[in-house]
Amino acid sequence: MSKAHLRLQPSESAVTAAASRIYAAYLISGRVPEGSQQEWIARSVREAVEIATAADAAVISDDEIESREGQSLGDPVGRTPPSSRHRG
């Protein structure tokens, strides 16, 4: 087997960590039938992204606060609408 070289961004690493815990829970609970591991891994990644997206929508990060300092806070809670924020 050849060695894979990965260079994940911090957000990708966070989603990978969450997805691995979700997948491990499915494995431990016996929900992953033999031969369907890839499907359950994909499901775990989708669920981890869904959780990360919900957390991003609910929490103002330190970087978001710092980037908005000195700017007019147009909306009452100081959030940039999700559609206009950079992801990555």
C-alpha atoms as a PDB file:
ATOM      1  CA  MET A   1       0.000   0.000   0.000  1.00  0.00           C
ATOM      2  CA  SER A   2       1.372   3.417  -0.930  1.00  0.00           C
ATOM      3  CA  LYS A   3       1.579   6.109   1.686  1.00  0.00           C
ATOM      4  CA  ALA A   4      -0.943   8.934   1.341  1.00  0.00           C
ATOM      5  CA  HIS A   5       0.199  12.506   1.832  1.00  0.00           C
ATOM      6  CA  LEU A   6      -2.496  14.753   3.264  1.00  0.00           C
ATOM      7  CA  ARG A   7      -2.396  18.419   4.124  1.00  0.00           C
ATOM      8  CA  LEU A   8      -5.727  19.312   5.684  1.00  0.00           C
ATOM      9  CA  GLN A   9      -6.845  22.823   6.525  1.00  0.00           C
ATOM     10  CA  PRO A  10      -7.906  23.386  10.158  1.00  0.00           C
ATOM     11  CA  SER A  11     -11.617  23.214   9.313  1.00  0.00           C
ATOM     12  CA  GLU A  12     -11.085  19.998   7.358  1.00  0.00           C
ATOM     13  CA  SER A  13      -9.190  18.511  10.305  1.00  0.00           C
ATOM     14  CA  ALA A  14     -12.031  19.429  12.656  1.00  0.00           C
ATOM     15  CA  VAL A  15     -14.640  17.837  10.385  1.00  0.00           C
ATOM     16  CA  THR A  16     -12.431  14.748   9.974  1.00  0.00           C
ATOM     17  CA  ALA A  17     -12.119  14.383  13.756  1.00  0.00           C
ATOM     18  CA  ALA A  18     -15.881  14.725  14.235  1.00  0.00           C
ATOM     19  CA  ALA A  19     -16.650  12.338  11.366  1.00  0.00           C
ATOM     20  CA  SER A  20     -14.288   9.719  12.770  1.00  0.00           C
ATOM     21  CA  ARG A  21     -16.051   9.870  16.147  1.00  0.00           C
ATOM     22  CA  ILE A  22     -19.456   9.603  14.473  1.00  0.00           C
ATOM     23  CA  TYR A  23     -18.266   6.639  12.379  1.00  0.00           C
ATOM     24  CA  ALA A  24     -16.730   4.974  15.448  1.00  0.00           C
ATOM     25  CA  ALA A  25     -20.077   5.262  17.236  1.00  0.00           C
ATOM     26  CA  TYR A  26     -21.804   3.576  14.297  1.00  0.00           C
ATOM     27  CA  LEU A  27     -19.191   0.790  14.321  1.00  0.00           C
ATOM     28  CA  ILE A  28     -19.394   0.214  18.062  1.00  0.00           C
ATOM     29  CA  SER A  29     -23.188   0.130  17.966  1.00  0.00           C
ATOM     30  CA  GLY A  30     -23.096  -2.539  15.231  1.00  0.00           C
ATOM     31  CA  ARG A  31     -24.873  -0.428  12.617  1.00  0.00           C
ATOM     32  CA  VAL A  32     -22.218  -0.814   9.874  1.00  0.00           C
ATOM     33  CA  PRO A  33     -22.774  -4.041   7.926  1.00  0.00           C
ATOM     34  CA  GLU A  34     -19.758  -5.739   6.389  1.00  0.00           C
ATOM     35  CA  GLY A  35     -19.082  -4.292   2.939  1.00  0.00           C
ATOM     36  CA  SER A  36     -20.864  -0.974   3.499  1.00  0.00           C
ATOM     37  CA  GLN A  37     -18.091   0.860   5.312  1.00  0.00           C
ATOM     38  CA  GLN A  38     -17.584   3.485   2.592  1.00  0.00           C
ATOM     39  CA  GLU A  39     -21.278   4.414   2.644  1.00  0.00           C
ATOM     40  CA  TRP A  40     -21.209   4.864   6.417  1.00  0.00           C
ATOM     41  CA  ILE A  41     -17.988   6.870   6.261  1.00  0.00           C
ATOM     42  CA  ALA A  42     -19.592   9.193   3.700  1.00  0.00           C
ATOM     43  CA  ARG A  43     -22.670   9.483   5.926  1.00  0.00           C
ATOM     44  CA  SER A  44     -20.489  10.315   8.929  1.00  0.00           C
ATOM     45  CA  VAL A  45     -18.685  13.052   6.987  1.00  0.00           C
ATOM     46  CA  ARG A  46     -22.011  14.561   5.829  1.00  0.00           C
ATOM     47  CA  GLU A  47     -23.272  14.558   9.408  1.00  0.00           C
ATOM     48  CA  ALA A  48     -20.042  16.131  10.700  1.00  0.00           C
ATOM     49  CA  VAL A  49     -20.328  18.899   8.082  1.00  0.00           C
ATOM     50  CA  GLU A  50     -23.963  19.449   9.088  1.00  0.00           C
ATOM     51  CA  ILE A  51     -22.920  19.785  12.745  1.00  0.00           C
ATOM     52  CA  ALA A  52     -20.063  22.172  11.843  1.00  0.00           C
ATOM     53  CA  THR A  53     -22.393  24.298   9.717  1.00  0.00           C
ATOM     54  CA  ALA A  54     -24.924  24.523  12.541  1.00  0.00           C
ATOM     55  CA  ALA A  55     -22.184  25.491  15.013  1.00  0.00           C
ATOM     56  CA  ASP A  56     -20.834  28.134  12.629  1.00  0.00           C
ATOM     57  CA  ALA A  57     -24.301  29.638  12.268  1.00  0.00           C
ATOM     58  CA  ALA A  58     -24.856  29.683  16.038  1.00  0.00           C
ATOM     59  CA  VAL A  59     -21.494  30.978  17.292  1.00  0.00           C
ATOM     60  CA  ILE A  60     -19.563  34.175  16.593  1.00  0.00           C
ATOM     61  CA  SER A  61     -15.890  33.212  16.552  1.00  0.00           C
ATOM     62  CA  ASP A  62     -13.053  35.374  17.884  1.00  0.00           C
ATOM     63  CA  ASP A  63     -11.843  35.992  14.311  1.00  0.00           C
ATOM     64  CA  GLU A  64     -15.290  37.174  13.235  1.00  0.00           C
ATOM     65  CA  ILE A  65     -15.447  39.593  16.178  1.00  0.00           C
ATOM     66  CA  GLU A  66     -11.955  40.959  15.475  1.00  0.00           C
ATOM     67  CA  SER A  67     -12.653  41.387  11.759  1.00  0.00           C
ATOM     68  CA  ARG A  68     -15.780  43.411  12.538  1.00  0.00           C
ATOM     69  CA  GLU A  69     -14.174  45.734  15.098  1.00  0.00           C
ATOM     70  CA  GLY A  70     -14.333  49.309  13.912  1.00  0.00           C
ATOM     71  CA  GLN A  71     -17.036  48.486  11.359  1.00  0.00           C
ATOM     72  CA  SER A  72     -20.689  49.344  11.614  1.00  0.00           C
ATOM     73  CA  LEU A  73     -22.601  46.360  12.914  1.00  0.00           C
ATOM     74  CA  GLY A  74     -25.544  46.360  10.538  1.00  0.00           C
ATOM     75  CA  ASP A  75     -27.553  43.622  12.181  1.00  0.00           C
ATOM     76  CA  PRO A  76     -28.441  43.518  15.876  1.00  0.00           C
ATOM     77  CA  VAL A  77     -26.209  40.588  16.820  1.00  0.00           C
ATOM     78  CA  GLY A  78     -23.248  41.554  14.652  1.00  0.00           C
ATOM     79  CA  ARG A  79     -23.326  38.442  12.481  1.00  0.00           C
ATOM     80  CA  THR A  80     -22.268  38.393   8.866  1.00  0.00           C
ATOM     81  CA  PRO A  81     -24.887  36.450   6.896  1.00  0.00           C
ATOM     82  CA  PRO A  82     -23.593  32.891   6.226  1.00  0.00           C
ATOM     83  CA  SER A  83     -23.882  33.324   2.451  1.00  0.00           C
ATOM     84  CA  SER A  84     -21.350  36.181   2.475  1.00  0.00           C
ATOM     85  CA  ARG A  85     -18.741  34.598   4.755  1.00  0.00           C
ATOM     86  CA  HIS A  86     -15.676  32.840   3.393  1.00  0.00           C
ATOM     87  CA  ARG A  87     -15.550  29.120   4.104  1.00  0.00           C
ATOM     88  CA  GLY A  88     -12.378  27.150   4.321  1.00  0.00           C
END
